């Protein structure tokens, strides 16, 4: 079972103790006070995995753990804001790109975009409308000065060897693709995502 809770039960007694010790600490303990007053019967008694934070990374971790382990693993997500109205995940631009210097980041993003494109199917809940992640595909452009050209070439070679869909653009091509931008003499080249990037 994958469960989302505001807080985790086994920490309840510890939190009550902390609240009693920190009552004079001011508004910083408001969350602890709410936790300490929570009803113990609302919480599961135990779980195999506790994920702290239900944002994009926490929710993804919980989802993929359950997908791999199935019924044999109980996963609980601890999330302070179950509405996600103030969570950084929904307040950010939430962009996704393939252009990194670290191979693992490129591979994670390539997988992430595949997941986003199937989110309405993968995250469907019976009896509810399928989720709409509102993915807006648009490539990201990175440019290099002559000093940064070698590093951009190395990154580009690695990204394309991993299957990232990116295009190398020389200054004249940059001017053709982006006629509304001014590229000075200090721009040696650019790389743009041609697929699987956006926000």
N, C-alpha and C. Protein backbone atom coordinates (compact mmCIF):
# COMPACT_ATOMS: atom_id res chain seq x y z
N UNK A 1 0.84 -1.18 0.00
CA UNK A 1 0.00 0.00 0.00
C UNK A 1 0.88 1.23 0.00
N UNK A 2 0.58 2.19 -0.84
CA UNK A 2 1.27 3.46 -0.87
C UNK A 2 0.38 4.46 -0.17
N UNK A 3 0.85 5.02 0.92
CA UNK A 3 0.03 5.92 1.72
C UNK A 3 0.66 7.30 1.79
N UNK A 4 -0.16 8.32 1.66
CA UNK A 4 0.31 9.69 1.84
C UNK A 4 -0.27 10.22 3.15
N UNK A 5 0.58 10.64 4.04
CA UNK A 5 0.17 11.19 5.32
C UNK A 5 0.85 12.52 5.52
N UNK A 6 0.22 13.37 6.34
CA UNK A 6 0.86 14.63 6.67
C UNK A 6 2.15 14.35 7.45
N UNK A 7 2.08 13.41 8.37
CA UNK A 7 3.21 13.13 9.23
C UNK A 7 3.22 11.65 9.57
N UNK A 8 4.31 11.17 10.12
CA UNK A 8 4.45 9.74 10.37
C UNK A 8 4.25 9.42 11.84
N UNK A 9 3.51 8.34 12.18
CA UNK A 9 3.08 8.07 13.54
C UNK A 9 4.17 7.71 14.53
N UNK A 10 5.17 6.96 14.11
CA UNK A 10 6.14 6.52 15.09
C UNK A 10 6.95 7.67 15.66
N UNK A 11 6.89 8.82 15.01
CA UNK A 11 7.60 9.99 15.53
C UNK A 11 6.72 10.82 16.46
N UNK A 12 5.47 10.40 16.64
CA UNK A 12 4.52 11.20 17.40
C UNK A 12 4.98 11.45 18.84
N UNK A 13 5.40 10.42 19.54
CA UNK A 13 5.83 10.60 20.93
C UNK A 13 7.07 11.47 21.00
N UNK A 14 8.00 11.25 20.08
CA UNK A 14 9.20 12.07 20.04
C UNK A 14 8.84 13.53 19.81
N UNK A 15 7.89 13.77 18.91
CA UNK A 15 7.49 15.14 18.62
C UNK A 15 6.80 15.78 19.80
N UNK A 16 5.98 15.01 20.52
CA UNK A 16 5.35 15.56 21.72
C UNK A 16 6.41 16.00 22.72
N UNK A 17 7.44 15.20 22.87
CA UNK A 17 8.52 15.55 23.78
C UNK A 17 9.24 16.80 23.30
N UNK A 18 9.52 16.88 22.00
CA UNK A 18 10.19 18.05 21.46
C UNK A 18 9.36 19.31 21.66
N UNK A 19 8.06 19.20 21.44
CA UNK A 19 7.20 20.36 21.61
C UNK A 19 7.24 20.85 23.05
N UNK A 20 7.20 19.92 23.99
CA UNK A 20 7.22 20.33 25.39
C UNK A 20 8.53 21.03 25.73
N UNK A 21 9.62 20.62 25.10
CA UNK A 21 10.92 21.25 25.36
C UNK A 21 11.08 22.57 24.62
N UNK A 22 10.38 22.72 23.50
CA UNK A 22 10.60 23.90 22.65
C UNK A 22 9.45 24.91 22.67
N UNK A 23 8.57 24.80 23.63
CA UNK A 23 7.40 25.69 23.64
C UNK A 23 7.79 27.16 23.64
N UNK A 24 8.92 27.47 24.24
CA UNK A 24 9.35 28.86 24.32
C UNK A 24 10.09 29.31 23.06
N UNK A 25 10.21 28.45 22.06
CA UNK A 25 10.99 28.79 20.87
C UNK A 25 10.25 29.66 19.87
N UNK A 26 8.97 29.91 20.07
CA UNK A 26 8.23 30.81 19.19
C UNK A 26 7.56 30.09 18.03
N UNK A 27 7.29 30.85 16.93
CA UNK A 27 6.51 30.30 15.83
C UNK A 27 7.19 29.16 15.08
N UNK A 28 8.45 28.95 15.23
CA UNK A 28 9.14 27.89 14.52
C UNK A 28 8.67 26.50 14.88
N UNK A 29 7.97 26.35 16.00
CA UNK A 29 7.51 25.04 16.41
C UNK A 29 6.03 24.82 16.14
N UNK A 30 5.43 25.68 15.33
CA UNK A 30 4.00 25.52 15.07
C UNK A 30 3.69 24.17 14.43
N UNK A 31 4.55 23.71 13.53
CA UNK A 31 4.34 22.41 12.90
C UNK A 31 4.43 21.30 13.94
N UNK A 32 5.42 21.38 14.82
CA UNK A 32 5.58 20.38 15.86
C UNK A 32 4.37 20.36 16.78
N UNK A 33 3.82 21.51 17.07
CA UNK A 33 2.63 21.54 17.93
C UNK A 33 1.45 20.85 17.26
N UNK A 34 1.28 21.09 15.96
CA UNK A 34 0.19 20.43 15.25
C UNK A 34 0.40 18.92 15.24
N UNK A 35 1.64 18.52 15.08
CA UNK A 35 1.93 17.09 15.08
C UNK A 35 1.61 16.47 16.43
N UNK A 36 2.01 17.14 17.48
CA UNK A 36 1.84 16.58 18.82
C UNK A 36 0.37 16.43 19.17
N UNK A 37 -0.49 17.26 18.59
CA UNK A 37 -1.90 17.17 18.90
C UNK A 37 -2.65 16.22 17.98
N UNK A 38 -1.95 15.64 17.01
CA UNK A 38 -2.61 14.74 16.06
C UNK A 38 -3.05 13.45 16.74
N UNK A 39 -4.13 12.91 16.26
CA UNK A 39 -4.66 11.67 16.82
C UNK A 39 -3.81 10.48 16.39
N UNK A 40 -3.32 9.67 17.35
CA UNK A 40 -2.49 8.52 16.98
C UNK A 40 -3.23 7.50 16.12
N UNK A 41 -4.55 7.43 16.23
CA UNK A 41 -5.28 6.42 15.46
C UNK A 41 -5.31 6.74 13.97
N UNK A 42 -4.92 7.97 13.58
CA UNK A 42 -4.93 8.36 12.18
C UNK A 42 -3.69 7.88 11.44
N UNK A 43 -2.73 7.35 12.17
CA UNK A 43 -1.45 6.99 11.59
C UNK A 43 -1.27 5.49 11.48
N UNK A 44 -0.54 5.03 10.47
CA UNK A 44 -0.20 3.61 10.45
C UNK A 44 0.81 3.33 11.55
N UNK A 45 0.83 2.14 12.07
CA UNK A 45 1.74 1.78 13.16
C UNK A 45 3.17 1.57 12.68
N UNK A 46 3.31 1.13 11.44
CA UNK A 46 4.65 0.89 10.92
C UNK A 46 4.63 0.93 9.40
N UNK A 47 5.81 1.00 8.82
CA UNK A 47 5.95 0.92 7.37
C UNK A 47 7.35 0.41 7.07
N UNK A 48 7.54 -0.05 5.86
CA UNK A 48 8.87 -0.50 5.45
C UNK A 48 9.75 0.66 5.03
N UNK A 49 9.14 1.64 4.36
CA UNK A 49 9.90 2.79 3.87
C UNK A 49 9.13 4.06 4.19
N UNK A 50 9.84 5.02 4.76
CA UNK A 50 9.28 6.35 5.01
C UNK A 50 9.97 7.33 4.07
N UNK A 51 9.19 8.00 3.24
CA UNK A 51 9.73 9.02 2.35
C UNK A 51 9.36 10.37 2.94
N UNK A 52 10.35 11.17 3.26
CA UNK A 52 10.11 12.48 3.85
C UNK A 52 10.05 13.51 2.73
N UNK A 53 8.88 14.09 2.55
CA UNK A 53 8.65 15.07 1.50
C UNK A 53 7.96 14.45 0.31
N UNK A 54 6.77 14.95 -0.01
CA UNK A 54 5.99 14.38 -1.11
C UNK A 54 6.03 15.19 -2.37
N UNK A 55 7.07 16.02 -2.55
CA UNK A 55 7.21 16.78 -3.78
C UNK A 55 7.55 15.86 -4.94
N UNK A 56 8.07 16.42 -6.01
CA UNK A 56 8.35 15.62 -7.20
C UNK A 56 9.31 14.47 -6.91
N UNK A 57 10.36 14.74 -6.16
CA UNK A 57 11.35 13.69 -5.89
C UNK A 57 10.80 12.66 -4.91
N UNK A 58 10.16 13.12 -3.84
CA UNK A 58 9.61 12.20 -2.86
C UNK A 58 8.50 11.33 -3.43
N UNK A 59 7.59 11.95 -4.16
CA UNK A 59 6.49 11.19 -4.76
C UNK A 59 7.01 10.21 -5.79
N UNK A 60 8.00 10.64 -6.57
CA UNK A 60 8.59 9.74 -7.56
C UNK A 60 9.28 8.56 -6.88
N UNK A 61 10.01 8.84 -5.82
CA UNK A 61 10.68 7.76 -5.09
C UNK A 61 9.67 6.74 -4.57
N UNK A 62 8.59 7.23 -3.96
CA UNK A 62 7.56 6.33 -3.43
C UNK A 62 6.91 5.52 -4.55
N UNK A 63 6.56 6.19 -5.63
CA UNK A 63 5.91 5.52 -6.76
C UNK A 63 6.80 4.40 -7.31
N UNK A 64 8.06 4.69 -7.54
CA UNK A 64 8.94 3.71 -8.16
C UNK A 64 9.30 2.58 -7.21
N UNK A 65 9.40 2.87 -5.92
CA UNK A 65 9.60 1.80 -4.95
C UNK A 65 8.43 0.82 -5.00
N UNK A 66 7.22 1.34 -5.02
CA UNK A 66 6.04 0.49 -5.05
C UNK A 66 5.93 -0.27 -6.37
N UNK A 67 6.30 0.35 -7.46
CA UNK A 67 6.24 -0.33 -8.75
C UNK A 67 7.19 -1.52 -8.78
N UNK A 68 8.33 -1.37 -8.15
CA UNK A 68 9.32 -2.46 -8.17
C UNK A 68 9.01 -3.53 -7.14
N UNK A 69 8.56 -3.13 -5.96
CA UNK A 69 8.38 -4.09 -4.87
C UNK A 69 6.96 -4.63 -4.78
N UNK A 70 5.99 -3.87 -5.26
CA UNK A 70 4.60 -4.32 -5.22
C UNK A 70 4.04 -4.38 -3.80
N UNK A 71 3.17 -5.35 -3.55
CA UNK A 71 2.45 -5.45 -2.28
C UNK A 71 3.35 -5.78 -1.10
N UNK A 72 4.53 -6.29 -1.37
CA UNK A 72 5.41 -6.72 -0.29
C UNK A 72 6.06 -5.55 0.45
N UNK A 73 5.88 -4.34 -0.02
CA UNK A 73 6.54 -3.18 0.59
C UNK A 73 5.50 -2.11 0.92
N UNK A 74 5.46 -1.69 2.17
CA UNK A 74 4.57 -0.58 2.54
C UNK A 74 5.39 0.70 2.55
N UNK A 75 4.88 1.70 1.85
CA UNK A 75 5.58 2.97 1.71
C UNK A 75 4.67 4.08 2.23
N UNK A 76 5.22 4.92 3.09
CA UNK A 76 4.47 6.06 3.62
C UNK A 76 5.22 7.33 3.22
N UNK A 77 4.48 8.31 2.71
CA UNK A 77 5.05 9.59 2.35
C UNK A 77 4.64 10.62 3.40
N UNK A 78 5.62 11.29 3.94
CA UNK A 78 5.41 12.33 4.96
C UNK A 78 5.44 13.68 4.25
N UNK A 79 4.31 14.36 4.20
CA UNK A 79 4.24 15.63 3.48
C UNK A 79 3.49 16.66 4.32
N UNK A 80 4.14 17.78 4.56
CA UNK A 80 3.56 18.83 5.39
C UNK A 80 2.37 19.52 4.72
N UNK A 81 2.41 19.68 3.40
CA UNK A 81 1.36 20.39 2.68
C UNK A 81 0.68 19.46 1.68
N UNK A 82 -0.34 18.71 2.11
CA UNK A 82 -0.98 17.74 1.20
C UNK A 82 -1.71 18.41 0.04
N UNK A 83 -1.98 19.70 0.11
CA UNK A 83 -2.62 20.39 -1.01
C UNK A 83 -1.62 20.77 -2.09
N UNK A 84 -0.34 20.81 -1.74
CA UNK A 84 0.75 21.21 -2.64
C UNK A 84 0.61 22.64 -3.14
N UNK A 85 -0.20 23.45 -2.49
CA UNK A 85 -0.37 24.84 -2.91
C UNK A 85 0.87 25.67 -2.62
N UNK A 86 1.62 25.31 -1.59
CA UNK A 86 2.82 26.07 -1.22
C UNK A 86 4.09 25.25 -1.43
N UNK A 87 3.98 24.13 -2.07
CA UNK A 87 5.14 23.26 -2.27
C UNK A 87 6.02 23.80 -3.41
N UNK A 88 7.32 23.65 -3.26
CA UNK A 88 8.24 24.20 -4.27
C UNK A 88 8.03 23.55 -5.63
N UNK A 89 7.60 22.29 -5.66
CA UNK A 89 7.41 21.60 -6.93
C UNK A 89 6.40 22.32 -7.81
N UNK A 90 5.28 22.74 -7.25
CA UNK A 90 4.25 23.37 -8.07
C UNK A 90 4.48 24.87 -8.24
N UNK A 91 5.31 25.48 -7.40
CA UNK A 91 5.58 26.90 -7.52
C UNK A 91 6.74 27.18 -8.48
N UNK A 92 7.52 26.16 -8.80
CA UNK A 92 8.66 26.35 -9.69
C UNK A 92 8.22 26.24 -11.14
N UNK A 93 9.13 26.60 -12.04
CA UNK A 93 8.86 26.45 -13.47
C UNK A 93 8.79 24.98 -13.85
N UNK A 94 9.43 24.13 -13.06
CA UNK A 94 9.40 22.68 -13.27
C UNK A 94 9.88 22.31 -14.67
N UNK A 95 11.04 22.83 -15.03
CA UNK A 95 11.56 22.53 -16.36
C UNK A 95 12.26 21.18 -16.39
N UNK A 96 12.36 20.63 -17.57
CA UNK A 96 13.08 19.38 -17.76
C UNK A 96 13.91 19.51 -19.03
N UNK A 97 15.18 19.15 -18.92
CA UNK A 97 16.09 19.23 -20.05
C UNK A 97 17.04 18.05 -20.02
N UNK A 98 17.70 17.82 -21.15
CA UNK A 98 18.63 16.70 -21.27
C UNK A 98 20.08 17.16 -21.24
N UNK A 99 20.30 18.45 -21.25
CA UNK A 99 21.64 19.00 -21.44
C UNK A 99 22.36 19.19 -20.10
N UNK A 100 23.11 18.17 -19.74
CA UNK A 100 23.91 18.18 -18.51
C UNK A 100 25.32 17.71 -18.82
N UNK A 101 26.23 18.01 -17.92
CA UNK A 101 27.60 17.51 -18.06
C UNK A 101 27.78 16.18 -17.35
N UNK A 102 26.81 15.79 -16.53
CA UNK A 102 26.86 14.52 -15.80
C UNK A 102 25.89 13.55 -16.48
N UNK A 103 26.41 12.39 -16.87
CA UNK A 103 25.61 11.43 -17.64
C UNK A 103 24.35 11.01 -16.90
N UNK A 104 24.45 10.78 -15.60
CA UNK A 104 23.29 10.32 -14.83
C UNK A 104 22.15 11.33 -14.87
N UNK A 105 22.47 12.63 -14.86
CA UNK A 105 21.42 13.64 -14.94
C UNK A 105 20.71 13.60 -16.28
N UNK A 106 21.47 13.40 -17.35
CA UNK A 106 20.87 13.29 -18.68
C UNK A 106 19.95 12.09 -18.74
N UNK A 107 20.42 10.94 -18.25
CA UNK A 107 19.60 9.72 -18.27
C UNK A 107 18.34 9.87 -17.42
N UNK A 108 18.47 10.48 -16.24
CA UNK A 108 17.30 10.70 -15.39
C UNK A 108 16.27 11.58 -16.09
N UNK A 109 16.73 12.63 -16.76
CA UNK A 109 15.80 13.52 -17.45
C UNK A 109 15.13 12.82 -18.63
N UNK A 110 15.89 12.01 -19.35
CA UNK A 110 15.29 11.29 -20.47
C UNK A 110 14.20 10.34 -19.98
N UNK A 111 14.47 9.66 -18.87
CA UNK A 111 13.45 8.80 -18.29
C UNK A 111 12.26 9.64 -17.79
N UNK A 112 12.57 10.75 -17.14
CA UNK A 112 11.53 11.61 -16.59
C UNK A 112 10.56 12.12 -17.64
N UNK A 113 11.06 12.49 -18.80
CA UNK A 113 10.18 12.99 -19.86
C UNK A 113 9.30 11.88 -20.40
N UNK A 114 9.86 10.67 -20.50
CA UNK A 114 9.05 9.52 -20.94
C UNK A 114 7.92 9.29 -19.95
N UNK A 115 8.24 9.40 -18.66
CA UNK A 115 7.22 9.24 -17.62
C UNK A 115 6.16 10.34 -17.72
N UNK A 116 6.59 11.58 -17.89
CA UNK A 116 5.64 12.70 -18.00
C UNK A 116 4.68 12.51 -19.17
N UNK A 117 5.19 12.03 -20.27
CA UNK A 117 4.34 11.84 -21.44
C UNK A 117 3.29 10.74 -21.21
N UNK A 118 3.56 9.84 -20.27
CA UNK A 118 2.62 8.75 -19.96
C UNK A 118 1.92 8.96 -18.62
N UNK A 119 2.05 10.15 -18.04
CA UNK A 119 1.53 10.39 -16.69
C UNK A 119 0.04 10.14 -16.57
N UNK A 120 -0.73 10.51 -17.58
CA UNK A 120 -2.18 10.31 -17.48
C UNK A 120 -2.53 8.83 -17.38
N UNK A 121 -1.69 7.98 -17.95
CA UNK A 121 -1.90 6.53 -17.87
C UNK A 121 -1.28 5.96 -16.59
N UNK A 122 -0.04 6.33 -16.31
CA UNK A 122 0.69 5.75 -15.18
C UNK A 122 0.16 6.18 -13.82
N UNK A 123 -0.38 7.39 -13.75
CA UNK A 123 -0.86 7.92 -12.47
C UNK A 123 -2.37 7.92 -12.36
N UNK A 124 -3.03 7.20 -13.25
CA UNK A 124 -4.49 7.17 -13.23
C UNK A 124 -5.00 6.49 -11.97
N UNK A 125 -6.08 7.04 -11.43
CA UNK A 125 -6.75 6.48 -10.27
C UNK A 125 -8.18 6.17 -10.69
N UNK A 126 -8.61 4.95 -10.44
CA UNK A 126 -9.94 4.52 -10.86
C UNK A 126 -11.01 5.44 -10.27
N UNK A 127 -11.93 5.87 -11.13
CA UNK A 127 -13.02 6.72 -10.70
C UNK A 127 -12.70 8.21 -10.71
N UNK A 128 -11.47 8.58 -11.10
CA UNK A 128 -11.09 9.99 -11.15
C UNK A 128 -10.57 10.34 -12.54
N UNK A 129 -10.67 11.62 -12.88
CA UNK A 129 -10.12 12.07 -14.15
C UNK A 129 -8.62 11.83 -14.17
N UNK A 130 -8.08 11.46 -15.32
CA UNK A 130 -6.62 11.26 -15.39
C UNK A 130 -5.88 12.56 -15.11
N UNK A 131 -4.73 12.48 -14.46
CA UNK A 131 -3.99 13.71 -14.15
C UNK A 131 -3.44 14.36 -15.42
N UNK A 132 -3.41 15.67 -15.40
CA UNK A 132 -2.85 16.42 -16.51
C UNK A 132 -1.65 17.20 -15.98
N UNK A 133 -0.45 16.80 -16.37
CA UNK A 133 0.75 17.49 -15.88
C UNK A 133 1.06 18.73 -16.71
N UNK A 134 0.28 18.99 -17.74
CA UNK A 134 0.43 20.19 -18.58
C UNK A 134 1.85 20.34 -19.10
N UNK A 135 2.41 19.27 -19.61
CA UNK A 135 3.76 19.33 -20.16
C UNK A 135 3.78 20.16 -21.42
N UNK A 136 4.66 21.15 -21.46
CA UNK A 136 4.78 22.03 -22.62
C UNK A 136 6.14 21.80 -23.25
N UNK A 137 6.23 21.07 -24.37
CA UNK A 137 7.53 20.77 -24.96
C UNK A 137 8.15 22.00 -25.63
N UNK A 138 9.37 22.27 -25.27
CA UNK A 138 10.11 23.38 -25.87
C UNK A 138 11.58 23.18 -25.54
N UNK A 139 12.43 23.26 -26.53
CA UNK A 139 13.85 23.02 -26.33
C UNK A 139 14.55 24.16 -25.60
N UNK A 140 15.56 23.81 -24.83
CA UNK A 140 16.38 24.80 -24.14
C UNK A 140 17.64 25.06 -24.95
N UNK A 141 18.01 26.33 -25.05
CA UNK A 141 19.19 26.73 -25.80
C UNK A 141 20.31 27.10 -24.83
N UNK A 142 21.48 26.49 -25.04
CA UNK A 142 22.68 26.84 -24.31
C UNK A 142 23.70 27.36 -25.32
N UNK A 143 24.38 28.43 -24.97
CA UNK A 143 25.40 28.99 -25.87
C UNK A 143 26.74 28.98 -25.15
N UNK A 144 27.81 28.98 -25.93
CA UNK A 144 29.16 28.95 -25.37
C UNK A 144 30.00 30.07 -25.97
N UNK A 145 30.83 30.63 -25.14
CA UNK A 145 31.87 31.55 -25.61
C UNK A 145 33.03 30.72 -26.14
N UNK A 146 34.00 31.34 -26.83
CA UNK A 146 35.16 30.55 -27.28
C UNK A 146 35.84 29.80 -26.14
N UNK A 147 35.87 30.39 -24.95
CA UNK A 147 36.51 29.74 -23.80
C UNK A 147 35.73 28.50 -23.34
N UNK A 148 34.43 28.50 -23.52
CA UNK A 148 33.60 27.38 -23.08
C UNK A 148 33.26 26.38 -24.17
N UNK A 149 33.81 26.60 -25.38
CA UNK A 149 33.46 25.76 -26.52
C UNK A 149 33.85 24.31 -26.32
N UNK A 150 35.05 24.06 -25.80
CA UNK A 150 35.50 22.68 -25.61
C UNK A 150 34.58 21.93 -24.64
N UNK A 151 34.20 22.59 -23.54
CA UNK A 151 33.31 21.94 -22.57
C UNK A 151 31.96 21.64 -23.19
N UNK A 152 31.44 22.57 -24.00
CA UNK A 152 30.16 22.33 -24.65
C UNK A 152 30.26 21.15 -25.62
N UNK A 153 31.38 21.04 -26.34
CA UNK A 153 31.58 19.91 -27.26
C UNK A 153 31.60 18.59 -26.50
N UNK A 154 32.29 18.55 -25.37
CA UNK A 154 32.35 17.33 -24.56
C UNK A 154 30.96 16.95 -24.05
N UNK A 155 30.23 17.94 -23.55
CA UNK A 155 28.87 17.69 -23.07
C UNK A 155 27.97 17.18 -24.19
N UNK A 156 28.08 17.81 -25.36
CA UNK A 156 27.25 17.43 -26.51
C UNK A 156 27.53 15.98 -26.93
N UNK A 157 28.80 15.62 -27.00
CA UNK A 157 29.16 14.24 -27.38
C UNK A 157 28.58 13.24 -26.39
N UNK A 158 28.70 13.55 -25.12
CA UNK A 158 28.16 12.64 -24.09
C UNK A 158 26.65 12.55 -24.19
N UNK A 159 25.97 13.69 -24.32
CA UNK A 159 24.51 13.70 -24.38
C UNK A 159 24.00 12.90 -25.57
N UNK A 160 24.59 13.12 -26.75
CA UNK A 160 24.12 12.39 -27.94
C UNK A 160 24.46 10.91 -27.86
N UNK A 161 25.58 10.57 -27.22
CA UNK A 161 25.92 9.14 -27.08
C UNK A 161 24.91 8.42 -26.18
N UNK A 162 24.25 9.17 -25.31
CA UNK A 162 23.24 8.59 -24.42
C UNK A 162 21.85 8.57 -25.05
N UNK A 163 21.72 9.20 -26.22
CA UNK A 163 20.43 9.22 -26.90
C UNK A 163 19.66 10.52 -26.74
N UNK A 164 20.26 11.52 -26.13
CA UNK A 164 19.58 12.81 -25.99
C UNK A 164 19.40 13.44 -27.37
N UNK A 165 18.24 14.05 -27.57
CA UNK A 165 17.93 14.67 -28.85
C UNK A 165 18.25 16.16 -28.77
N UNK A 166 19.47 16.49 -29.15
CA UNK A 166 19.96 17.86 -29.11
C UNK A 166 20.65 18.17 -30.42
N UNK A 167 20.69 19.44 -30.78
CA UNK A 167 21.30 19.86 -32.05
C UNK A 167 22.40 20.88 -31.78
N UNK A 168 23.51 20.69 -32.49
CA UNK A 168 24.63 21.62 -32.42
C UNK A 168 24.38 22.74 -33.43
N UNK A 169 24.54 23.99 -33.00
CA UNK A 169 24.31 25.13 -33.88
C UNK A 169 25.52 26.05 -33.86
N UNK A 170 26.07 26.32 -35.06
CA UNK A 170 27.13 27.31 -35.20
C UNK A 170 26.49 28.70 -35.24
N UNK A 171 27.27 29.77 -35.09
CA UNK A 171 26.69 31.12 -35.02
C UNK A 171 25.70 31.45 -36.14
N UNK A 172 26.03 31.06 -37.39
CA UNK A 172 25.10 31.36 -38.49
C UNK A 172 23.78 30.61 -38.31
N UNK A 173 23.86 29.37 -37.86
CA UNK A 173 22.63 28.60 -37.61
C UNK A 173 21.84 29.20 -36.44
N UNK A 174 22.55 29.67 -35.44
CA UNK A 174 21.87 30.33 -34.31
C UNK A 174 21.07 31.53 -34.80
N UNK A 175 21.67 32.29 -35.69
CA UNK A 175 20.97 33.48 -36.22
C UNK A 175 19.75 33.08 -37.05
N UNK A 176 19.83 31.95 -37.75
CA UNK A 176 18.69 31.48 -38.55
C UNK A 176 17.58 30.95 -37.65
N UNK A 177 17.95 30.18 -36.62
CA UNK A 177 16.95 29.60 -35.72
C UNK A 177 16.32 30.66 -34.82
N UNK A 178 17.10 31.65 -34.45
CA UNK A 178 16.65 32.66 -33.49
C UNK A 178 16.90 34.06 -34.06
N UNK A 179 16.17 34.45 -35.10
CA UNK A 179 16.42 35.76 -35.72
C UNK A 179 16.12 36.94 -34.80
N UNK A 180 15.36 36.72 -33.77
CA UNK A 180 15.00 37.78 -32.84
C UNK A 180 16.04 37.98 -31.74
N UNK A 181 17.07 37.11 -31.70
CA UNK A 181 18.14 37.27 -30.72
C UNK A 181 19.37 37.87 -31.38
N UNK A 182 20.14 38.62 -30.61
CA UNK A 182 21.39 39.17 -31.11
C UNK A 182 22.54 38.34 -30.56
N UNK A 183 23.30 37.74 -31.45
CA UNK A 183 24.46 36.94 -31.05
C UNK A 183 25.71 37.72 -31.42
N UNK A 184 26.44 38.13 -30.40
CA UNK A 184 27.67 38.88 -30.64
C UNK A 184 28.80 37.97 -31.07
N UNK A 185 29.95 38.58 -31.28
CA UNK A 185 31.12 37.83 -31.73
C UNK A 185 31.64 36.87 -30.67
N UNK A 186 31.24 37.08 -29.43
CA UNK A 186 31.75 36.21 -28.35
C UNK A 186 30.97 34.90 -28.21
N UNK A 187 29.98 34.66 -29.06
CA UNK A 187 29.24 33.40 -29.02
C UNK A 187 29.82 32.48 -30.09
N UNK A 188 30.39 31.35 -29.66
CA UNK A 188 31.07 30.44 -30.58
C UNK A 188 30.14 29.36 -31.12
N UNK A 189 29.16 28.92 -30.33
CA UNK A 189 28.24 27.86 -30.75
C UNK A 189 27.12 27.75 -29.74
N UNK A 190 26.14 26.94 -30.10
CA UNK A 190 25.03 26.69 -29.19
C UNK A 190 24.53 25.27 -29.34
N UNK A 191 23.82 24.80 -28.34
CA UNK A 191 23.17 23.49 -28.38
C UNK A 191 21.74 23.69 -27.93
N UNK A 192 20.81 23.10 -28.68
CA UNK A 192 19.39 23.22 -28.33
C UNK A 192 18.76 21.84 -28.30
N UNK A 193 17.85 21.63 -27.35
CA UNK A 193 17.09 20.39 -27.30
C UNK A 193 16.05 20.37 -28.39
N UNK A 194 16.03 19.33 -29.20
CA UNK A 194 15.06 19.25 -30.29
C UNK A 194 13.85 18.39 -29.94
N UNK A 195 13.94 17.67 -28.82
CA UNK A 195 12.82 16.85 -28.34
C UNK A 195 13.06 16.55 -26.87
N UNK A 196 11.97 16.26 -26.15
CA UNK A 196 12.03 15.82 -24.76
C UNK A 196 12.58 16.87 -23.79
N UNK A 197 12.38 18.13 -24.10
CA UNK A 197 12.68 19.20 -23.16
C UNK A 197 11.45 20.10 -23.08
N UNK A 198 11.34 20.81 -22.00
CA UNK A 198 10.21 21.72 -21.84
C UNK A 198 9.94 22.02 -20.40
N UNK A 199 8.69 22.38 -20.12
CA UNK A 199 8.31 22.68 -18.74
C UNK A 199 6.88 22.28 -18.50
